[in-house]
PDB file of N, CA and C in Angstrom:
ATOM      1  N   MET A   1       0.985  -1.322  -0.238  1.00  0.00           N
ATOM      2  CA  MET A   1      -0.018  -0.001  -0.032  1.00  0.00           C
ATOM      3  C   MET A   1       0.763   1.234  -0.017  1.00  0.00           C
ATOM      4  N   SER A   2       0.666   2.180  -0.813  1.00  0.00           N
ATOM      5  CA  SER A   2       1.077   3.129  -0.944  1.00  0.00           C
ATOM      6  C   SER A   2       0.531   4.509  -0.533  1.00  0.00           C
ATOM      7  N   THR A   3       1.198   5.409   0.050  1.00  0.00           N
ATOM      8  CA  THR A   3       0.575   6.712   0.614  1.00  0.00           C
ATOM      9  C   THR A   3       1.447   7.824   0.254  1.00  0.00           C
ATOM     10  N   PHE A   4       0.711   8.842   0.229  1.00  0.00           N
ATOM     11  CA  PHE A   4       1.422  10.094   0.141  1.00  0.00           C
ATOM     12  C   PHE A   4       1.686  10.953   1.604  1.00  0.00           C
ATOM     13  N   GLY A   5       2.810  11.754   1.195  1.00  0.00           N
ATOM     14  CA  GLY A   5       3.054  12.888   2.456  1.00  0.00           C
ATOM     15  C   GLY A   5       1.864  14.272   2.456  1.00  0.00           C
ATOM     16  N   GLN A   6       2.203  14.736   3.189  1.00  0.00           N
ATOM     17  CA  GLN A   6       1.427  15.907   3.628  1.00  0.00           C
ATOM     18  C   GLN A   6       1.645  16.871   2.553  1.00  0.00           C
ATOM     19  N   ALA A   7       0.698  17.634   2.105  1.00  0.00           N
ATOM     20  CA  ALA A   7       0.868  18.762   0.822  1.00  0.00           C
ATOM     21  C   ALA A   7       1.733  19.694   1.221  1.00  0.00           C
ATOM     22  N   PHE A   8       2.602  20.263   0.136  1.00  0.00           N
ATOM     23  CA  PHE A   8       3.374  21.567   1.064  1.00  0.00           C
ATOM     24  C   PHE A   8       3.687  22.569  -0.681  1.00  0.00           C
ATOM     25  N   VAL A   9       3.754  23.684  -0.203  1.00  0.00           N
ATOM     26  CA  VAL A   9       4.074  24.740  -1.410  1.00  0.00           C
ATOM     27  C   VAL A   9       5.267  24.252  -2.434  1.00  0.00           C
ATOM     28  N   ALA A  10       5.060  24.078  -3.443  1.00  0.00           N
ATOM     29  CA  ALA A  10       6.182  23.930  -4.127  1.00  0.00           C
ATOM     30  C   ALA A  10       6.809  24.622  -4.965  1.00  0.00           C
ATOM     31  N   LEU A  11       5.634  25.440  -5.407  1.00  0.00           N
ATOM     32  CA  LEU A  11       5.908  26.996  -6.344  1.00  0.00           C
ATOM     33  C   LEU A  11       4.850  27.941  -5.789  1.00  0.00           C
ATOM     34  N   ASP A  12       5.342  29.165  -5.492  1.00  0.00           N
ATOM     35  CA  ASP A  12       4.496  30.082  -4.659  1.00  0.00           C
ATOM     36  C   ASP A  12       4.431  31.183  -6.021  1.00  0.00           C
ATOM     37  N   TYR A  13       4.751  31.246  -7.075  1.00  0.00           N
ATOM     38  CA  TYR A  13       4.157  31.829  -8.123  1.00  0.00           C
ATOM     39  C   TYR A  13       4.179  31.868  -9.135  1.00  0.00           C
ATOM     40  N   GLY A  14       3.061  31.333  -9.936  1.00  0.00           N
ATOM     41  CA  GLY A  14       2.759  30.864 -11.241  1.00  0.00           C
ATOM     42  C   GLY A  14       2.273  29.559 -11.938  1.00  0.00           C
ATOM     43  N   PHE A  15       1.409  29.567 -12.756  1.00  0.00           N
ATOM     44  CA  PHE A  15       0.615  28.491 -13.322  1.00  0.00           C
ATOM     45  C   PHE A  15      -0.442  28.331 -12.572  1.00  0.00           C
ATOM     46  N   THR A  16      -1.144  29.307 -11.949  1.00  0.00           N
ATOM     47  CA  THR A  16      -2.108  29.447 -11.174  1.00  0.00           C
ATOM     48  C   THR A  16      -3.286  30.482 -11.470  1.00  0.00           C
ATOM     49  N   VAL A  17      -4.315  30.499 -11.138  1.00  0.00           N
ATOM     50  CA  VAL A  17      -5.492  31.362 -11.633  1.00  0.00           C
ATOM     51  C   VAL A  17      -5.264  32.663 -11.114  1.00  0.00           C
ATOM     52  N   VAL A  18      -4.723  33.017  -9.873  1.00  0.00           N
ATOM     53  CA  VAL A  18      -4.156  33.925  -9.444  1.00  0.00           C
ATOM     54  C   VAL A  18      -2.716  34.622  -9.593  1.00  0.00           C
ATOM     55  N   ASP A  19      -1.849  33.649  -9.792  1.00  0.00           N
ATOM     56  CA  ASP A  19      -0.591  33.886 -10.350  1.00  0.00           C
ATOM     57  C   ASP A  19      -0.445  33.737 -11.620  1.00  0.00           C
ATOM     58  N   GLY A  20      -0.863  34.414 -12.440  1.00  0.00           N
ATOM     59  CA  GLY A  20      -0.806  34.647 -13.866  1.00  0.00           C
ATOM     60  C   GLY A  20      -2.196  34.290 -15.135  1.00  0.00           C
ATOM     61  N   GLY A  21      -3.111  34.072 -14.532  1.00  0.00           N
ATOM     62  CA  GLY A  21      -4.271  34.006 -14.918  1.00  0.00           C
ATOM     63  C   GLY A  21      -4.305  32.640 -15.688  1.00  0.00           C
ATOM     64  N   TRP A  22      -3.921  31.480 -15.131  1.00  0.00           N
ATOM     65  CA  TRP A  22      -4.368  30.652 -15.714  1.00  0.00           C
ATOM     66  C   TRP A  22      -5.858  29.916 -15.291  1.00  0.00           C
ATOM     67  N   THR A  23      -6.699  30.382 -16.141  1.00  0.00           N
ATOM     68  CA  THR A  23      -8.044  30.616 -15.529  1.00  0.00           C
ATOM     69  C   THR A  23      -8.463  29.090 -16.766  1.00  0.00           C
ATOM     70  N   SER A  24      -8.061  28.253 -17.507  1.00  0.00           N
ATOM     71  CA  SER A  24      -8.734  27.565 -18.333  1.00  0.00           C
ATOM     72  C   SER A  24      -7.662  26.442 -18.733  1.00  0.00           C
ATOM     73  N   PHE A  25      -7.601  25.108 -18.647  1.00  0.00           N
ATOM     74  CA  PHE A  25      -6.785  24.038 -18.850  1.00  0.00           C
ATOM     75  C   PHE A  25      -7.016  24.047 -20.289  1.00  0.00           C
ATOM     76  N   ASP A  26      -8.447  24.185 -20.708  1.00  0.00           N
ATOM     77  CA  ASP A  26      -8.339  23.882 -22.223  1.00  0.00           C
ATOM     78  C   ASP A  26      -7.648  24.951 -23.081  1.00  0.00           C
ATOM     79  N   GLN A  27      -7.482  26.102 -22.562  1.00  0.00           N
ATOM     80  CA  GLN A  27      -7.018  27.475 -23.354  1.00  0.00           C
ATOM     81  C   GLN A  27      -5.288  27.513 -22.694  1.00  0.00           C
ATOM     82  N   TYR A  28      -5.204  27.212 -21.803  1.00  0.00           N
ATOM     83  CA  TYR A  28      -3.838  27.296 -21.357  1.00  0.00           C
ATOM     84  C   TYR A  28      -3.167  26.115 -20.540  1.00  0.00           C
ATOM     85  N   PRO A  29      -3.000  25.155 -21.176  1.00  0.00           N
ATOM     86  CA  PRO A  29      -2.830  23.763 -20.342  1.00  0.00           C
ATOM     87  C   PRO A  29      -1.401  23.918 -19.861  1.00  0.00           C
ATOM     88  N   ARG A  30      -1.326  22.980 -18.673  1.00  0.00           N
ATOM     89  CA  ARG A  30       0.286  22.474 -18.209  1.00  0.00           C
ATOM     90  C   ARG A  30       0.104  20.933 -18.160  1.00  0.00           C
ATOM     91  N   GLN A  31       1.112  20.747 -18.534  1.00  0.00           N
ATOM     92  CA  GLN A  31       1.944  19.543 -18.693  1.00  0.00           C
ATOM     93  C   GLN A  31       3.392  19.175 -17.692  1.00  0.00           C
ATOM     94  N   LEU A  32       3.329  18.171 -17.138  1.00  0.00           N
ATOM     95  CA  LEU A  32       5.064  18.282 -16.560  1.00  0.00           C
ATOM     96  C   LEU A  32       5.383  16.851 -17.486  1.00  0.00           C
ATOM     97  N   GLY A  33       6.795  16.928 -17.389  1.00  0.00           N
ATOM     98  CA  GLY A  33       7.699  16.164 -18.282  1.00  0.00           C
ATOM     99  C   GLY A  33       9.125  16.700 -17.759  1.00  0.00           C
ATOM    100  N   ASP A  34       9.912  15.838 -17.997  1.00  0.00           N
ATOM    101  CA  ASP A  34      11.351  16.238 -17.807  1.00  0.00           C
ATOM    102  C   ASP A  34      12.282  16.808 -19.149  1.00  0.00           C
ATOM    103  N   VAL A  35      12.207  18.139 -19.331  1.00  0.00           N
ATOM    104  CA  VAL A  35      12.533  18.965 -20.371  1.00  0.00           C
ATOM    105  C   VAL A  35      14.225  19.283 -20.371  1.00  0.00           C
ATOM    106  N   ASN A  36      14.676  18.978 -19.249  1.00  0.00           N
ATOM    107  CA  ASN A  36      16.494  19.119 -19.171  1.00  0.00           C
ATOM    108  C   ASN A  36      17.390  17.752 -18.975  1.00  0.00           C
ATOM    109  N   GLY A  37      16.259  16.911 -19.116  1.00  0.00           N
ATOM    110  CA  GLY A  37      17.126  15.744 -18.898  1.00  0.00           C
ATOM    111  C   GLY A  37      17.720  15.167 -17.581  1.00  0.00           C
ATOM    112  N   ASP A  38      17.386  15.694 -16.157  1.00  0.00           N
ATOM    113  CA  ASP A  38      18.098  15.760 -15.222  1.00  0.00           C
ATOM    114  C   ASP A  38      17.184  14.063 -14.349  1.00  0.00           C
ATOM    115  N   GLY A  39      16.351  14.085 -15.265  1.00  0.00           N
ATOM    116  CA  GLY A  39      15.491  13.126 -14.250  1.00  0.00           C
ATOM    117  C   GLY A  39      14.237  13.355 -13.411  1.00  0.00           C
ATOM    118  N   ARG A  40      14.102  14.667 -13.464  1.00  0.00           N
ATOM    119  CA  ARG A  40      12.797  15.092 -12.756  1.00  0.00           C
ATOM    120  C   ARG A  40      11.895  15.763 -13.961  1.00  0.00           C
ATOM    121  N   ASP A  41      10.846  15.537 -13.051  1.00  0.00           N
ATOM    122  CA  ASP A  41       9.305  16.299 -13.974  1.00  0.00           C
ATOM    123  C   ASP A  41       9.448  17.923 -13.662  1.00  0.00           C
ATOM    124  N   ASP A  42       9.230  18.776 -14.803  1.00  0.00           N
ATOM    125  CA  ASP A  42       9.310  20.274 -14.882  1.00  0.00           C
ATOM    126  C   ASP A  42       7.966  20.260 -15.344  1.00  0.00           C
ATOM    127  N   ILE A  43       7.753  21.775 -14.853  1.00  0.00           N
ATOM    128  CA  ILE A  43       6.172  22.081 -15.301  1.00  0.00           C
ATOM    129  C   ILE A  43       6.292  22.753 -16.779  1.00  0.00           C
ATOM    130  N   VAL A  44       5.548  22.637 -17.760  1.00  0.00           N
ATOM    131  CA  VAL A  44       5.502  23.527 -18.975  1.00  0.00           C
ATOM    132  C   VAL A  44       4.209  23.788 -19.209  1.00  0.00           C
ATOM    133  N   GLY A  45       4.296  25.137 -19.341  1.00  0.00           N
ATOM    134  CA  GLY A  45       2.889  25.897 -19.583  1.00  0.00           C
ATOM    135  C   GLY A  45       2.767  26.676 -20.392  1.00  0.00           C
ATOM    136  N   PHE A  46       1.524  26.265 -21.272  1.00  0.00           N
ATOM    137  CA  PHE A  46       1.465  26.957 -22.929  1.00  0.00           C
ATOM    138  C   PHE A  46       0.344  28.136 -22.420  1.00  0.00           C
ATOM    139  N   GLY A  47       1.252  29.578 -22.274  1.00  0.00           N
ATOM    140  CA  GLY A  47       0.503  30.591 -21.871  1.00  0.00           C
ATOM    141  C   GLY A  47      -0.286  31.054 -23.125  1.00  0.00           C
ATOM    142  N   ASN A  48      -0.505  32.449 -22.885  1.00  0.00           N
ATOM    143  CA  ASN A  48      -1.384  33.420 -23.959  1.00  0.00           C
ATOM    144  C   ASN A  48      -0.314  33.453 -25.089  1.00  0.00           C
ATOM    145  N   ASN A  49       0.720  34.283 -24.693  1.00  0.00           N
ATOM    146  CA  ASN A  49       2.067  34.276 -25.537  1.00  0.00           C
ATOM    147  C   ASN A  49       3.188  33.438 -25.529  1.00  0.00           C
ATOM    148  N   ASP A  50       3.513  32.777 -24.481  1.00  0.00           N
ATOM    149  CA  ASP A  50       4.598  32.536 -24.468  1.00  0.00           C
ATOM    150  C   ASP A  50       4.611  30.785 -24.053  1.00  0.00           C
ATOM    151  N   VAL A  51       5.498  30.049 -24.248  1.00  0.00           N
ATOM    152  CA  VAL A  51       5.638  28.799 -23.436  1.00  0.00           C
ATOM    153  C   VAL A  51       6.329  28.986 -22.300  1.00  0.00           C
ATOM    154  N   TYR A  52       6.099  28.475 -20.880  1.00  0.00           N
ATOM    155  CA  TYR A  52       6.922  28.766 -19.716  1.00  0.00           C
ATOM    156  C   TYR A  52       7.236  27.241 -19.108  1.00  0.00           C
ATOM    157  N   VAL A  53       8.569  27.385 -18.711  1.00  0.00           N
ATOM    158  CA  VAL A  53       8.835  25.870 -17.843  1.00  0.00           C
ATOM    159  C   VAL A  53       9.351  26.631 -16.543  1.00  0.00           C
ATOM    160  N   SER A  54       9.061  25.686 -15.639  1.00  0.00           N
ATOM    161  CA  SER A  54       9.589  25.454 -14.276  1.00  0.00           C
ATOM    162  C   SER A  54      10.556  24.427 -13.885  1.00  0.00           C
ATOM    163  N   LEU A  55      11.496  24.381 -13.550  1.00  0.00           N
ATOM    164  CA  LEU A  55      12.483  23.400 -13.553  1.00  0.00           C
ATOM    165  C   LEU A  55      12.301  22.584 -11.904  1.00  0.00           C
ATOM    166  N   GLY A  56      11.889  21.187 -12.033  1.00  0.00           N
ATOM    167  CA  GLY A  56      11.947  20.542 -11.121  1.00  0.00           C
ATOM    168  C   GLY A  56      13.156  20.473 -10.153  1.00  0.00           C
ATOM    169  N   GLN A  57      12.910  20.249  -8.856  1.00  0.00           N
ATOM    170  CA  GLN A  57      14.371  20.650  -8.147  1.00  0.00           C
ATOM    171  C   GLN A  57      14.262  19.369  -7.467  1.00  0.00           C
ATOM    172  N   SER A  58      15.206  19.092  -6.965  1.00  0.00           N
ATOM    173  CA  SER A  58      15.875  17.971  -6.015  1.00  0.00           C
ATOM    174  C   SER A  58      15.072  17.668  -4.700  1.00  0.00           C
ATOM    175  N   ASN A  59      14.675  18.880  -4.203  1.00  0.00           N
ATOM    176  CA  ASN A  59      13.527  18.828  -3.036  1.00  0.00           C
ATOM    177  C   ASN A  59      12.171  18.693  -3.051  1.00  0.00           C
ATOM    178  N   GLY A  60      11.748  18.624  -4.214  1.00  0.00           N
ATOM    179  CA  GLY A  60      10.345  18.336  -4.467  1.00  0.00           C
ATOM    180  C   GLY A  60       9.676  19.678  -5.018  1.00  0.00           C
ATOM    181  N   THR A  61      10.447  20.962  -5.101  1.00  0.00           N
ATOM    182  CA  THR A  61       9.788  22.078  -5.666  1.00  0.00           C
ATOM    183  C   THR A  61      10.070  22.579  -6.923  1.00  0.00           C
ATOM    184  N   PHE A  62       9.622  23.705  -7.318  1.00  0.00           N
ATOM    185  CA  PHE A  62       9.906  23.905  -8.866  1.00  0.00           C
ATOM    186  C   PHE A  62      10.607  25.279  -8.549  1.00  0.00           C
ATOM    187  N   GLY A  63      11.444  25.670  -9.442  1.00  0.00           N
ATOM    188  CA  GLY A  63      12.260  26.783  -9.570  1.00  0.00           C
ATOM    189  C   GLY A  63      11.440  27.859 -10.465  1.00  0.00           C
ATOM    190  N   GLN A  64      12.000  28.825 -10.229  1.00  0.00           N
ATOM    191  CA  GLN A  64      11.236  30.102 -11.073  1.00  0.00           C
ATOM    192  C   GLN A  64      10.765  30.045 -12.100  1.00  0.00           C
ATOM    193  N   ALA A  65       9.493  30.171 -12.803  1.00  0.00           N
ATOM    194  CA  ALA A  65       9.389  30.170 -14.652  1.00  0.00           C
ATOM    195  C   ALA A  65      10.314  30.905 -15.219  1.00  0.00           C
ATOM    196  N   PHE A  66      10.421  30.433 -16.527  1.00  0.00           N
ATOM    197  CA  PHE A  66      10.978  31.620 -17.566  1.00  0.00           C
ATOM    198  C   PHE A  66      10.198  30.993 -18.603  1.00  0.00           C
ATOM    199  N   VAL A  67      10.264  32.099 -19.558  1.00  0.00           N
ATOM    200  CA  VAL A  67      10.248  31.777 -21.023  1.00  0.00           C
ATOM    201  C   VAL A  67      11.066  30.786 -21.842  1.00  0.00           C
ATOM    202  N   ALA A  68      10.731  29.531 -22.237  1.00  0.00           N
ATOM    203  CA  ALA A  68      11.022  28.665 -22.701  1.00  0.00           C
ATOM    204  C   ALA A  68      11.125  28.402 -24.513  1.00  0.00           C
ATOM    205  N   LEU A  69       9.846  29.223 -25.029  1.00  0.00           N
ATOM    206  CA  LEU A  69       9.682  29.091 -26.231  1.00  0.00           C
ATOM    207  C   LEU A  69       8.635  30.572 -26.299  1.00  0.00           C
ATOM    208  N   ASP A  70       9.235  31.696 -27.299  1.00  0.00           N
ATOM    209  CA  ASP A  70       8.465  32.717 -27.516  1.00  0.00           C
ATOM    210  C   ASP A  70       7.614  32.775 -28.610  1.00  0.00           C
ATOM    211  N   TYR A  71       7.581  31.690 -29.665  1.00  0.00           N
ATOM    212  CA  TYR A  71       6.742  31.710 -30.686  1.00  0.00           C
ATOM    213  C   TYR A  71       6.122  30.551 -30.872  1.00  0.00           C
ATOM    214  N   GLY A  72       4.929  30.201 -30.936  1.00  0.00           N
ATOM    215  CA  GLY A  72       4.237  28.779 -31.035  1.00  0.00           C
ATOM    216  C   GLY A  72       3.427  28.090 -30.051  1.00  0.00           C
ATOM    217  N   PHE A  73       2.538  27.360 -30.419  1.00  0.00           N
ATOM    218  CA  PHE A  73       1.810  26.705 -28.906  1.00  0.00           C
ATOM    219  C   PHE A  73       1.128  27.330 -28.486  1.00  0.00           C
ATOM    220  N   THR A  74       0.875  28.657 -28.588  1.00  0.00           N
ATOM    221  CA  THR A  74       0.035  29.301 -27.624  1.00  0.00           C
ATOM    222  C   THR A  74      -1.206  30.055 -28.348  1.00  0.00           C
ATOM    223  N   VAL A  75      -2.135  30.488 -27.401  1.00  0.00           N
ATOM    224  CA  VAL A  75      -3.113  31.358 -28.248  1.00  0.00           C
ATOM    225  C   VAL A  75      -3.101  32.327 -29.463  1.00  0.00           C
ATOM    226  N   VAL A  76      -1.879  33.453 -28.668  1.00  0.00           N
ATOM    227  CA  VAL A  76      -1.783  34.353 -29.850  1.00  0.00           C
ATOM    228  C   VAL A  76      -0.754  33.996 -30.739  1.00  0.00           C
ATOM    229  N   ASP A  77       0.305  32.744 -30.401  1.00  0.00           N
ATOM    230  CA  ASP A  77       1.106  32.514 -31.459  1.00  0.00           C
ATOM    231  C   ASP A  77       0.883  31.176 -31.845  1.00  0.00           C
ATOM    232  N   GLY A  78       0.045  31.211 -33.008  1.00  0.00           N
ATOM    233  CA  GLY A  78      -0.551  30.091 -33.768  1.00  0.00           C
ATOM    234  C   GLY A  78      -2.025  29.373 -33.590  1.00  0.00           C
ATOM    235  N   GLY A  79      -2.700  30.321 -32.808  1.00  0.00           N
ATOM    236  CA  GLY A  79      -4.101  30.086 -32.666  1.00  0.00           C
ATOM    237  C   GLY A  79      -4.384  28.695 -32.033  1.00  0.00           C
ATOM    238  N   TRP A  80      -3.704  28.532 -31.127  1.00  0.00           N
ATOM    239  CA  TRP A  80      -3.879  27.096 -30.261  1.00  0.00           C
ATOM    240  C   TRP A  80      -4.531  27.338 -28.988  1.00  0.00           C
ATOM    241  N   THR A  81      -6.156  27.599 -29.355  1.00  0.00           N
ATOM    242  CA  THR A  81      -7.066  28.019 -28.699  1.00  0.00           C
ATOM    243  C   THR A  81      -8.051  26.872 -27.808  1.00  0.00           C
ATOM    244  N   SER A  82      -7.549  25.968 -27.910  1.00  0.00           N
ATOM    245  CA  SER A  82      -8.530  24.523 -27.276  1.00  0.00           C
ATOM    246  C   SER A  82      -7.378  23.305 -27.211  1.00  0.00           C
ATOM    247  N   PHE A  83      -7.193  23.033 -26.012  1.00  0.00           N
ATOM    248  CA  PHE A  83      -6.219  21.916 -26.121  1.00  0.00           C
ATOM    249  C   PHE A  83      -7.277  20.588 -26.423  1.00  0.00           C
ATOM    250  N   ASN A  84      -8.515  20.702 -26.266  1.00  0.00           N
ATOM    251  CA  ASN A  84      -9.776  19.694 -26.889  1.00  0.00           C
ATOM    252  C   ASN A  84      -9.208  19.655 -28.175  1.00  0.00           C
ATOM    253  N   GLN A  85      -9.325  20.603 -29.244  1.00  0.00           N
ATOM    254  CA  GLN A  85      -9.119  20.587 -30.440  1.00  0.00           C
ATOM    255  C   GLN A  85      -7.840  20.558 -31.181  1.00  0.00           C
ATOM    256  N   TYR A  86      -6.672  21.173 -29.892  1.00  0.00           N
ATOM    257  CA  TYR A  86      -5.476  21.377 -30.682  1.00  0.00           C
ATOM    258  C   TYR A  86      -4.326  20.674 -29.395  1.00  0.00           C
ATOM    259  N   PRO A  87      -4.355  19.560 -29.096  1.00  0.00           N
ATOM    260  CA  PRO A  87      -3.953  19.134 -27.779  1.00  0.00           C
ATOM    261  C   PRO A  87      -2.135  19.472 -27.910  1.00  0.00           C
ATOM    262  N   ARG A  88      -1.333  19.620 -27.151  1.00  0.00           N
ATOM    263  CA  ARG A  88       0.066  19.523 -27.012  1.00  0.00           C
ATOM    264  C   ARG A  88       0.157  18.627 -25.870  1.00  0.00           C
ATOM    265  N   GLN A  89       1.237  18.001 -26.132  1.00  0.00           N
ATOM    266  CA  GLN A  89       1.709  16.724 -25.271  1.00  0.00           C
ATOM    267  C   GLN A  89       3.304  16.788 -25.368  1.00  0.00           C
ATOM    268  N   LEU A  90       3.828  16.319 -24.198  1.00  0.00           N
ATOM    269  CA  LEU A  90       5.349  16.233 -24.161  1.00  0.00           C
ATOM    270  C   LEU A  90       5.615  14.633 -24.086  1.00  0.00           C
ATOM    271  N   GLY A  91       6.625  14.656 -24.430  1.00  0.00           N
ATOM    272  CA  GLY A  91       7.274  13.147 -24.880  1.00  0.00           C
ATOM    273  C   GLY A  91       8.993  13.471 -25.656  1.00  0.00           C
ATOM    274  N   ASP A  92       9.697  12.501 -25.290  1.00  0.00           N
ATOM    275  CA  ASP A  92      10.759  12.149 -25.790  1.00  0.00           C
ATOM    276  C   ASP A  92      11.065  11.639 -26.882  1.00  0.00           C
ATOM    277  N   ILE A  93      10.829  12.584 -27.994  1.00  0.00           N
ATOM    278  CA  ILE A  93      10.712  12.313 -29.709  1.00  0.00           C
ATOM    279  C   ILE A  93      11.932  11.627 -30.188  1.00  0.00           C
ATOM    280  N   ASN A  94      13.433  12.130 -29.669  1.00  0.00           N
ATOM    281  CA  ASN A  94      14.445  11.917 -30.787  1.00  0.00           C
ATOM    282  C   ASN A  94      15.267  11.159 -29.511  1.00  0.00           C
ATOM    283  N   GLY A  95      14.920  10.734 -28.409  1.00  0.00           N
ATOM    284  CA  GLY A  95      15.524   9.706 -27.289  1.00  0.00           C
ATOM    285  C   GLY A  95      16.908  10.426 -26.625  1.00  0.00           C
ATOM    286  N   ASP A  96      16.842  11.433 -26.700  1.00  0.00           N
ATOM    287  CA  ASP A  96      17.537  12.084 -26.084  1.00  0.00           C
ATOM    288  C   ASP A  96      17.796  12.333 -24.606  1.00  0.00           C
ATOM    289  N   GLY A  97      16.431  11.757 -23.946  1.00  0.00           N
ATOM    290  CA  GLY A  97      16.187  11.801 -22.335  1.00  0.00           C
ATOM    291  C   GLY A  97      15.572  12.938 -22.034  1.00  0.00           C
ATOM    292  N   ARG A  98      15.097  13.983 -23.193  1.00  0.00           N
ATOM    293  CA  ARG A  98      14.285  14.957 -22.887  1.00  0.00           C
ATOM    294  C   ARG A  98      13.134  15.055 -23.359  1.00  0.00           C
ATOM    295  N   ASN A  99      11.916  15.357 -22.946  1.00  0.00           N
ATOM    296  CA  ASN A  99      10.723  15.473 -23.482  1.00  0.00           C
ATOM    297  C   ASN A  99      10.540  16.997 -24.411  1.00  0.00           C
ATOM    298  N   ASP A 100       9.921  16.523 -25.614  1.00  0.00           N
ATOM    299  CA  ASP A 100       9.791  17.434 -26.642  1.00  0.00           C
ATOM    300  C   ASP A 100       8.168  18.149 -26.425  1.00  0.00           C
ATOM    301  N   ILE A 101       8.066  18.861 -27.253  1.00  0.00           N
ATOM    302  CA  ILE A 101       6.474  19.377 -27.409  1.00  0.00           C
ATOM    303  C   ILE A 101       5.698  18.703 -28.475  1.00  0.00           C
ATOM    304  N   VAL A 102       4.787  18.141 -28.871  1.00  0.00           N
ATOM    305  CA  VAL A 102       4.501  17.521 -29.751  1.00  0.00           C
ATOM    306  C   VAL A 102       2.972  18.465 -29.719  1.00  0.00           C
ATOM    307  N   GLY A 103       2.772  19.027 -31.004  1.00  0.00           N
ATOM    308  CA  GLY A 103       1.412  19.669 -30.963  1.00  0.00           C
ATOM    309  C   GLY A 103       0.595  19.036 -31.938  1.00  0.00           C
ATOM    310  N   PHE A 104      -0.644  18.922 -32.001  1.00  0.00           N
ATOM    311  CA  PHE A 104      -1.695  18.420 -33.220  1.00  0.00           C
ATOM    312  C   PHE A 104      -2.529  19.514 -33.394  1.00  0.00           C
ATOM    313  N   GLY A 105      -1.688  20.192 -34.503  1.00  0.00           N
ATOM    314  CA  GLY A 105      -2.485  21.748 -35.520  1.00  0.00           C
ATOM    315  C   GLY A 105      -3.962  21.148 -35.869  1.00  0.00           C
ATOM    316  N   ASN A 106      -4.302  22.041 -36.552  1.00  0.00           N
ATOM    317  CA  ASN A 106      -5.245  21.945 -37.506  1.00  0.00           C
ATOM    318  C   ASN A 106      -4.963  20.871 -38.575  1.00  0.00           C
ATOM    319  N   SER A 107      -3.873  21.220 -39.434  1.00  0.00           N
ATOM    320  CA  SER A 107      -3.942  19.991 -40.444  1.00  0.00           C
ATOM    321  C   SER A 107      -2.554  19.437 -40.541  1.00  0.00           C
ATOM    322  N   ASP A 108      -1.850  19.520 -39.501  1.00  0.00           N
ATOM    323  CA  ASP A 108      -0.020  19.173 -39.372  1.00  0.00           C
ATOM    324  C   ASP A 108       0.276  19.024 -37.909  1.00  0.00           C
ATOM    325  N   VAL A 109       1.175  17.836 -37.652  1.00  0.00           N
ATOM    326  CA  VAL A 109       1.856  17.861 -36.159  1.00  0.00           C
ATOM    327  C   VAL A 109       2.963  18.426 -36.227  1.00  0.00           C
ATOM    328  N   TYR A 110       3.072  19.194 -35.337  1.00  0.00           N
ATOM    329  CA  TYR A 110       4.649  19.943 -34.865  1.00  0.00           C
ATOM    330  C   TYR A 110       5.417  19.642 -33.777  1.00  0.00           C
ATOM    331  N   VAL A 111       6.483  19.368 -34.264  1.00  0.00           N
ATOM    332  CA  VAL A 111       7.302  19.178 -32.703  1.00  0.00           C
ATOM    333  C   VAL A 111       8.704  20.293 -32.547  1.00  0.00           C
ATOM    334  N   SER A 112       8.830  20.623 -31.213  1.00  0.00           N
ATOM    335  CA  SER A 112       9.895  21.309 -30.835  1.00  0.00           C
ATOM    336  C   SER A 112      10.568  20.602 -29.975  1.00  0.00           C
ATOM    337  N   LEU A 113      11.864  20.675 -30.403  1.00  0.00           N
ATOM    338  CA  LEU A 113      12.753  19.808 -29.480  1.00  0.00           C
ATOM    339  C   LEU A 113      13.518  20.513 -28.366  1.00  0.00           C
ATOM    340  N   ALA A 114      13.344  19.875 -27.109  1.00  0.00           N
ATOM    341  CA  ALA A 114      13.747  20.315 -26.047  1.00  0.00           C
ATOM    342  C   ALA A 114      15.524  20.667 -26.134  1.00  0.00           C
TER     343      ALA A 114
END
């Protein structure tokens, strides 16, 4: 039988309704995946204009979010207005140990390598 420890704050700013206006997963999805190859999952958030990353830390917290991609996969940059219609997933496409972005657009599938 497995249990979880008591919840604690892992990131005190970003990726929430109050801190950044992340009001809809359908419009502004957030995913987990290891984008830097250190074996820890990171937060990848698809914002209105940019794609943000917050790196997972060894103590179970996340580092400060930064812009990881300033064009593409967002509402403003590419018309990615609905996760339901245009999902964006993370997966290691090229086998380098880092999760890449795979976006399912209107007529094409797009990849952005980590």
